[in-house]
Amino acid sequence: MGRIMKKGNSKNKGSQFERIICKKLSLWISEGQREDIFWRSAMSGGRATVQYKKGISNKSQVCDISAIDPLGEKLLRNYVIECKAYKNLKLDNLIYKTSQEGMLLFWNETRQKAIESGKSPILVARQNNKRDIICFSRCLGEKIRTKCDREEICFFDSLDCAVMCLNNFLTPSILALIL
């Protein structure tokens, strides 16, 4: 289970979560050797959004995570990575689609950013007192399930979404598959 974050300032909570994920992804892609491969994007991806609206393509800072080392660019060449940390992610909206809130909204926004940048979406999320999860395309989920022999993936076909616990995703076999 992830660390419990203080109540209150949600912007700081999100920033802290992004830093934690940058460290985890850095250790993963460097096989435990380095913590400094990824860092938070400028304005948490907002810079790329502003530029996109002006007709400028900024594919290196599309979502929350940017590569600050060439090793990280191997991953971000094909994926955008968004991070969300909330008290309640409203995971049931992925199943029931009762409202465009929480995970359903976050997934749809991440997919749209991925489409605009010509990449595939990855959404890393944390709900208070729960394990961190990772969402990715159904196609990637099928590859992981078959080639890496992973059965602990939930599929939401109508959303083109697959979900699993982040710690189960951050393995050498999955890294080799997606790079």
Foldseek 3Di string as FASTA:
>chain_A
DDDFDDPDDQVVVQQVVQLVVLQLVQCLLVVNDDRQQKHFAVVQQVVQVVCVVVVHHDQQRRGTMGTPDVSCCVQSVAEDEHEEEEQDQPVCCLVVVPDCGGPNVVLVVQCVSCVVNVHWYKYWYHHGPDAIKIKTFLVLVVCCCPQVVDDQWDDSVVSRIIMHGPVVCSDPSNSVVND
